[in-house]
């Protein structure tokens, strides 16, 4: 059998990764008709149907799944090998789209990505800052930064670091309701709950001896954004449990107060994730390594 054209094979992989011909064409910067024509020609060469096409969606057939599983890592390895030739070191290039929570993207990620972009000027970064969970394949996202505990088994994950979860409240609120000196007293305060968490009102505190206390809180407001909770906490509406990187400045100037400071909450993790169906290209692997090194240097 004659080996298929590598350009057609790469277009087939792009359609499979993007979930459709239109998205694949946009990602590759070519016309949709060209992608459709080249994939159709590949099907003729192989004598199989690779995609089941309807007016609403495109899905891989059994033959398509088999070809993707075999060809994707091989083609990626070939691309990486070619990229590493020439000067002896790979020059990263092309679009790299990533998503991250809005607060983390602005406060922590932006300066790190700026350093990465300066080191790799041929990489075009596209950043989607949102507190919503994004469908990585459907949105054409190469890498996502996610916080807390991962629950999606369809994603590969690399842990970049961790952060402390800190219970805080404004001085004005504590002046009205009193300062709690033990975890059980936290239940008497009004709280601001982050709906992105699976159990935003149940928290397990650990004291210096290792003794644990489970506290169930009462919410006066729920939101899907830590930025909103931060502003509401500053206004004195309620207490909030927020990442340490968000509240360090406010704690230092007394704008917020740390509650039960002798107690610890479970640390949250920071992860770089990408779909298991996709072999990450060199630029994504390079960014993951860059982020991990930054986190190690910062002691996160």
Protein backbone atom coordinates (compact mmCIF):
# COMPACT_ATOMS: atom_id res chain seq x y z
CA UNK A 1 0.00 0.00 0.00
CA UNK A 2 1.25 3.51 -0.87
CA UNK A 3 1.78 5.65 2.22
CA UNK A 4 -0.76 8.48 2.53
CA UNK A 5 0.25 12.10 2.06
CA UNK A 6 1.39 13.54 5.41
CA UNK A 7 -0.46 16.81 4.80
CA UNK A 8 -3.72 14.91 4.38
CA UNK A 9 -2.97 12.91 7.49
CA UNK A 10 -2.30 16.09 9.49
CA UNK A 11 -5.60 17.57 8.29
CA UNK A 12 -7.42 14.40 9.33
CA UNK A 13 -5.85 14.67 12.82
CA UNK A 14 -6.77 18.36 13.01
CA UNK A 15 -10.43 17.61 12.22
CA UNK A 16 -10.48 14.84 14.83
CA UNK A 17 -8.94 17.11 17.47
CA UNK A 18 -11.12 20.13 16.66
CA UNK A 19 -14.32 18.10 16.34
CA UNK A 20 -15.24 19.46 12.93
CA UNK A 21 -14.01 20.69 9.56
CA UNK A 22 -14.76 24.37 10.18
CA UNK A 23 -12.88 24.50 13.48
CA UNK A 24 -9.95 22.58 11.99
CA UNK A 25 -9.75 24.93 9.01
CA UNK A 26 -9.76 28.00 11.27
CA UNK A 27 -7.05 26.50 13.46
CA UNK A 28 -4.86 25.68 10.42
CA UNK A 29 -5.57 28.95 8.62
CA UNK A 30 -6.87 27.33 5.44
CA UNK A 31 -10.21 27.08 3.64
CA UNK A 32 -12.76 24.57 4.92
CA UNK A 33 -13.17 23.23 1.38
CA UNK A 34 -9.48 22.35 1.25
CA UNK A 35 -9.66 20.43 4.53
CA UNK A 36 -12.76 18.56 3.39
CA UNK A 37 -11.20 17.74 0.01
CA UNK A 38 -7.93 16.48 1.49
CA UNK A 39 -9.65 14.31 4.12
CA UNK A 40 -11.94 12.92 1.41
CA UNK A 41 -8.92 12.07 -0.72
CA UNK A 42 -7.30 10.33 2.27
CA UNK A 43 -10.43 8.21 2.70
CA UNK A 44 -10.26 7.23 -0.98
CA UNK A 45 -6.59 6.28 -0.67
CA UNK A 46 -7.21 4.14 2.40
CA UNK A 47 -10.50 2.70 1.19
CA UNK A 48 -12.30 3.47 4.47
CA UNK A 49 -14.64 6.10 5.89
CA UNK A 50 -12.88 8.04 8.66
CA UNK A 51 -15.72 10.36 9.74
CA UNK A 52 -19.46 9.99 10.10
CA UNK A 53 -20.82 13.31 8.84
CA UNK A 54 -24.18 14.87 9.61
CA UNK A 55 -25.42 18.44 9.26
CA UNK A 56 -24.82 18.99 12.99
CA UNK A 57 -21.69 17.06 13.88
CA UNK A 58 -18.68 15.10 12.73
CA UNK A 59 -17.62 11.96 14.60
CA UNK A 60 -14.87 9.43 14.07
CA UNK A 61 -15.80 6.02 12.73
CA UNK A 62 -14.18 2.89 14.14
CA UNK A 63 -11.59 3.08 11.36
CA UNK A 64 -11.05 6.77 12.12
CA UNK A 65 -10.48 6.05 15.81
CA UNK A 66 -7.93 3.38 14.94
CA UNK A 67 -6.06 5.64 12.51
CA UNK A 68 -6.03 8.54 14.97
CA UNK A 69 -4.64 6.40 17.78
CA UNK A 70 -1.81 5.10 15.60
CA UNK A 71 -0.95 8.20 13.57
CA UNK A 72 -1.28 11.07 16.03
CA UNK A 73 1.75 10.28 18.23
CA UNK A 74 3.84 9.28 15.19
CA UNK A 75 3.09 12.49 13.29
CA UNK A 76 3.73 14.58 16.39
CA UNK A 77 7.06 12.82 16.91
CA UNK A 78 8.00 13.50 13.30
CA UNK A 79 7.08 17.18 13.62
CA UNK A 80 9.12 17.51 16.82
CA UNK A 81 12.09 15.76 15.20
CA UNK A 82 12.01 18.09 12.20
CA UNK A 83 11.63 21.13 14.46
CA UNK A 84 14.72 20.12 16.45
CA UNK A 85 16.94 20.14 13.35
CA UNK A 86 18.72 23.15 11.91
CA UNK A 87 20.29 25.21 14.66
CA UNK A 88 20.31 22.21 16.99
CA UNK A 89 17.52 23.54 19.16
CA UNK A 90 13.80 23.65 18.47
CA UNK A 91 12.37 27.06 17.64
CA UNK A 92 8.82 27.05 18.88
CA UNK A 93 6.20 28.67 16.66
CA UNK A 94 2.48 28.85 15.94
CA UNK A 95 -0.64 29.58 17.93
CA UNK A 96 -0.87 28.40 21.53
CA UNK A 97 -4.28 28.88 23.11
CA UNK A 98 -4.72 28.42 26.84
CA UNK A 99 -7.38 29.08 29.42
CA UNK A 100 -7.13 29.88 33.12
CA UNK A 101 -9.30 31.27 35.93
CA UNK A 102 -9.61 35.03 35.57
CA UNK A 103 -8.02 35.98 38.91
CA UNK A 104 -5.09 33.59 38.47
CA UNK A 105 -4.54 34.63 34.87
CA UNK A 106 -4.29 38.29 35.82
CA UNK A 107 -2.33 38.08 39.06
CA UNK A 108 -0.01 35.11 38.59
CA UNK A 109 -0.02 33.80 35.03
CA UNK A 110 0.29 37.01 32.98
CA UNK A 111 3.87 37.96 33.99
CA UNK A 112 5.04 34.36 33.55
CA UNK A 113 3.49 34.12 30.08
CA UNK A 114 5.11 37.44 29.18
CA UNK A 115 8.52 35.92 29.95
CA UNK A 116 7.68 32.84 27.88
CA UNK A 117 6.52 34.99 24.95
CA UNK A 118 9.73 37.05 25.04
CA UNK A 119 11.80 33.86 24.91
CA UNK A 120 9.70 32.42 22.06
CA UNK A 121 8.67 35.34 19.81
CA UNK A 122 7.27 33.06 17.07
CA UNK A 123 4.65 31.63 19.42
CA UNK A 124 1.34 33.50 19.27
CA UNK A 125 -0.29 33.21 22.69
CA UNK A 126 -4.06 33.42 22.99
CA UNK A 127 -5.35 33.58 26.56
CA UNK A 128 -8.94 32.84 27.55
CA UNK A 129 -9.39 34.12 31.12
CA UNK A 130 -12.62 32.70 32.52
CA UNK A 131 -13.94 31.09 35.67
CA UNK A 132 -16.04 28.70 33.57
CA UNK A 133 -14.86 25.18 32.72
CA UNK A 134 -14.06 25.24 28.99
CA UNK A 135 -14.44 22.27 26.64
CA UNK A 136 -10.83 22.10 25.49
CA UNK A 137 -11.45 20.19 22.26
CA UNK A 138 -14.54 22.14 21.19
CA UNK A 139 -12.87 25.50 21.88
CA UNK A 140 -9.55 24.52 20.31
CA UNK A 141 -7.67 25.07 23.58
CA UNK A 142 -4.17 23.60 23.77
CA UNK A 143 -3.73 23.88 27.53
CA UNK A 144 -5.84 24.73 30.56
CA UNK A 145 -4.73 25.86 34.01
CA UNK A 146 -7.13 24.52 36.61
CA UNK A 147 -7.23 24.96 40.35
CA UNK A 148 -8.30 22.83 43.28
CA UNK A 149 -9.13 19.15 42.82
CA UNK A 150 -9.38 17.58 39.38
CA UNK A 151 -12.34 15.31 38.70
CA UNK A 152 -12.35 14.96 34.89
CA UNK A 153 -10.67 11.65 34.01
CA UNK A 154 -10.63 12.56 30.31
CA UNK A 155 -7.80 15.01 30.97
CA UNK A 156 -4.09 14.51 31.44
CA UNK A 157 -2.70 16.65 34.22
CA UNK A 158 0.66 17.94 35.39
CA UNK A 159 0.78 19.49 38.83
CA UNK A 160 2.45 22.89 38.74
CA UNK A 161 2.18 23.82 42.40
CA UNK A 162 -0.26 24.42 45.19
CA UNK A 163 -1.83 27.28 47.10
CA UNK A 164 -3.19 27.81 50.59
CA UNK A 165 -6.92 28.34 51.07
CA UNK A 166 -7.45 31.20 53.53
CA UNK A 167 -10.64 32.13 55.43
CA UNK A 168 -10.94 35.92 55.56
CA UNK A 169 -13.36 38.65 56.53
CA UNK A 170 -13.39 42.46 56.55
CA UNK A 171 -12.75 44.30 59.85
CA UNK A 172 -16.19 45.94 59.56
CA UNK A 173 -17.94 42.57 59.47
CA UNK A 174 -15.98 41.30 62.47
CA UNK A 175 -16.85 44.49 64.38
CA UNK A 176 -20.54 43.70 63.85
CA UNK A 177 -20.60 39.97 64.55
CA UNK A 178 -17.48 39.35 66.61
CA UNK A 179 -14.20 37.59 65.95
CA UNK A 180 -14.41 33.76 65.92
CA UNK A 181 -11.58 32.10 67.85
CA UNK A 182 -12.30 28.50 66.93
CA UNK A 183 -13.58 26.75 63.78
CA UNK A 184 -17.03 25.95 65.20
CA UNK A 185 -17.70 29.68 65.66
CA UNK A 186 -17.26 30.28 61.93
CA UNK A 187 -20.73 28.83 61.38
CA UNK A 188 -22.16 31.93 63.09
CA UNK A 189 -20.81 34.24 60.36
CA UNK A 190 -22.45 34.96 57.00
CA UNK A 191 -20.43 33.46 54.15
CA UNK A 192 -19.77 33.97 50.46
CA UNK A 193 -19.71 30.65 48.58
CA UNK A 194 -17.85 29.75 45.39
CA UNK A 195 -20.21 27.64 43.31
CA UNK A 196 -17.36 26.16 41.26
CA UNK A 197 -16.49 24.00 44.28
CA UNK A 198 -18.26 20.70 44.85
CA UNK A 199 -18.95 21.48 48.54
CA UNK A 200 -18.39 25.24 49.00
CA UNK A 201 -20.00 25.35 52.44
CA UNK A 202 -18.30 22.35 54.07
CA UNK A 203 -14.70 22.77 55.23
CA UNK A 204 -12.35 20.65 57.31
CA UNK A 205 -9.97 22.61 59.55
CA UNK A 206 -6.82 21.11 61.11
CA UNK A 207 -5.18 22.52 64.24
CA UNK A 208 -1.44 22.31 65.10
CA UNK A 209 -1.94 18.97 66.89
CA UNK A 210 -3.56 17.42 63.82
CA UNK A 211 -7.09 17.43 65.25
CA UNK A 212 -9.74 18.08 62.60
CA UNK A 213 -13.01 19.99 62.78
CA UNK A 214 -15.67 19.81 60.07
CA UNK A 215 -17.57 23.09 59.78
CA UNK A 216 -20.71 23.70 57.72
CA UNK A 217 -21.21 27.33 56.80
CA UNK A 218 -24.25 29.44 55.85
CA UNK A 219 -24.16 31.37 52.58
CA UNK A 220 -25.63 34.83 52.10
CA UNK A 221 -24.31 35.00 48.54
CA UNK A 222 -23.14 32.49 45.95
CA UNK A 223 -21.05 33.28 42.87
CA UNK A 224 -18.94 31.46 40.32
CA UNK A 225 -16.08 33.97 40.51
CA UNK A 226 -13.44 34.41 43.20
CA UNK A 227 -13.04 38.01 42.06
CA UNK A 228 -16.67 38.71 42.94
CA UNK A 229 -16.29 37.00 46.32
CA UNK A 230 -13.19 39.07 47.01
CA UNK A 231 -15.01 42.35 46.40
CA UNK A 232 -18.01 41.25 48.46
CA UNK A 233 -15.73 40.22 51.32
CA UNK A 234 -13.97 43.59 51.19
CA UNK A 235 -17.38 45.27 51.41
CA UNK A 236 -18.15 43.32 54.59
CA UNK A 237 -21.03 41.26 53.23
CA UNK A 238 -19.59 38.00 54.50
CA UNK A 239 -16.55 35.88 55.09
CA UNK A 240 -14.88 34.06 52.21
CA UNK A 241 -12.34 31.30 51.66
CA UNK A 242 -9.95 32.46 48.98
CA UNK A 243 -6.54 31.49 47.52
CA UNK A 244 -3.55 32.94 49.35
CA UNK A 245 -2.25 34.72 46.24
CA UNK A 246 -5.47 36.76 46.10
CA UNK A 247 -5.58 37.92 49.71
CA UNK A 248 -1.91 38.40 50.70
CA UNK A 249 -1.92 42.11 49.86
CA UNK A 250 -5.20 42.81 51.67
CA UNK A 251 -4.05 40.92 54.74
CA UNK A 252 -0.80 42.89 54.82
CA UNK A 253 -2.59 46.27 54.90
CA UNK A 254 -5.44 45.16 57.18
CA UNK A 255 -8.15 45.43 54.54
CA UNK A 256 -9.04 41.81 55.32
CA UNK A 257 -8.40 39.73 58.42
CA UNK A 258 -7.42 36.07 58.51
CA UNK A 259 -9.84 34.00 60.57
CA UNK A 260 -8.72 31.28 63.02
CA UNK A 261 -5.08 31.73 61.93
CA UNK A 262 -3.87 28.71 63.93
CA UNK A 263 -6.02 26.43 61.74
CA UNK A 264 -5.20 25.06 58.29
CA UNK A 265 -7.46 24.10 55.39
CA UNK A 266 -6.45 21.52 52.75
CA UNK A 267 -4.14 23.03 50.15
CA UNK A 268 -5.44 23.46 46.62
CA UNK A 269 -3.51 22.28 43.58
CA UNK A 270 -2.62 24.15 40.40
CA UNK A 271 -2.61 21.91 37.33
CA UNK A 272 -1.82 22.14 33.62
CA UNK A 273 -4.29 19.90 31.79
CA UNK A 274 -4.93 18.79 28.22
CA UNK A 275 -7.08 16.07 26.59
CA UNK A 276 -5.84 12.48 26.73
CA UNK A 277 -6.75 12.09 23.06
CA UNK A 278 -4.13 14.61 22.05
CA UNK A 279 -0.34 14.27 22.06
CA UNK A 280 0.77 17.76 23.17
CA UNK A 281 3.06 19.51 20.68
CA UNK A 282 6.52 20.74 21.64
CA UNK A 283 5.33 24.30 22.36
CA UNK A 284 2.76 23.03 24.87
CA UNK A 285 5.27 20.74 26.57
CA UNK A 286 7.74 23.62 26.69
CA UNK A 287 5.17 25.91 28.31
CA UNK A 288 4.26 23.27 30.90
CA UNK A 289 7.95 22.89 31.81
CA UNK A 290 8.33 26.68 31.94
CA UNK A 291 5.34 27.05 34.27
CA UNK A 292 6.54 24.22 36.51
CA UNK A 293 9.99 25.79 36.83
CA UNK A 294 8.43 29.13 37.69
CA UNK A 295 6.27 27.55 40.40
CA UNK A 296 9.29 25.75 41.86
CA UNK A 297 11.31 28.97 41.89
CA UNK A 298 8.44 30.79 43.62
CA UNK A 299 8.11 28.00 46.18
CA UNK A 300 4.48 27.41 45.24
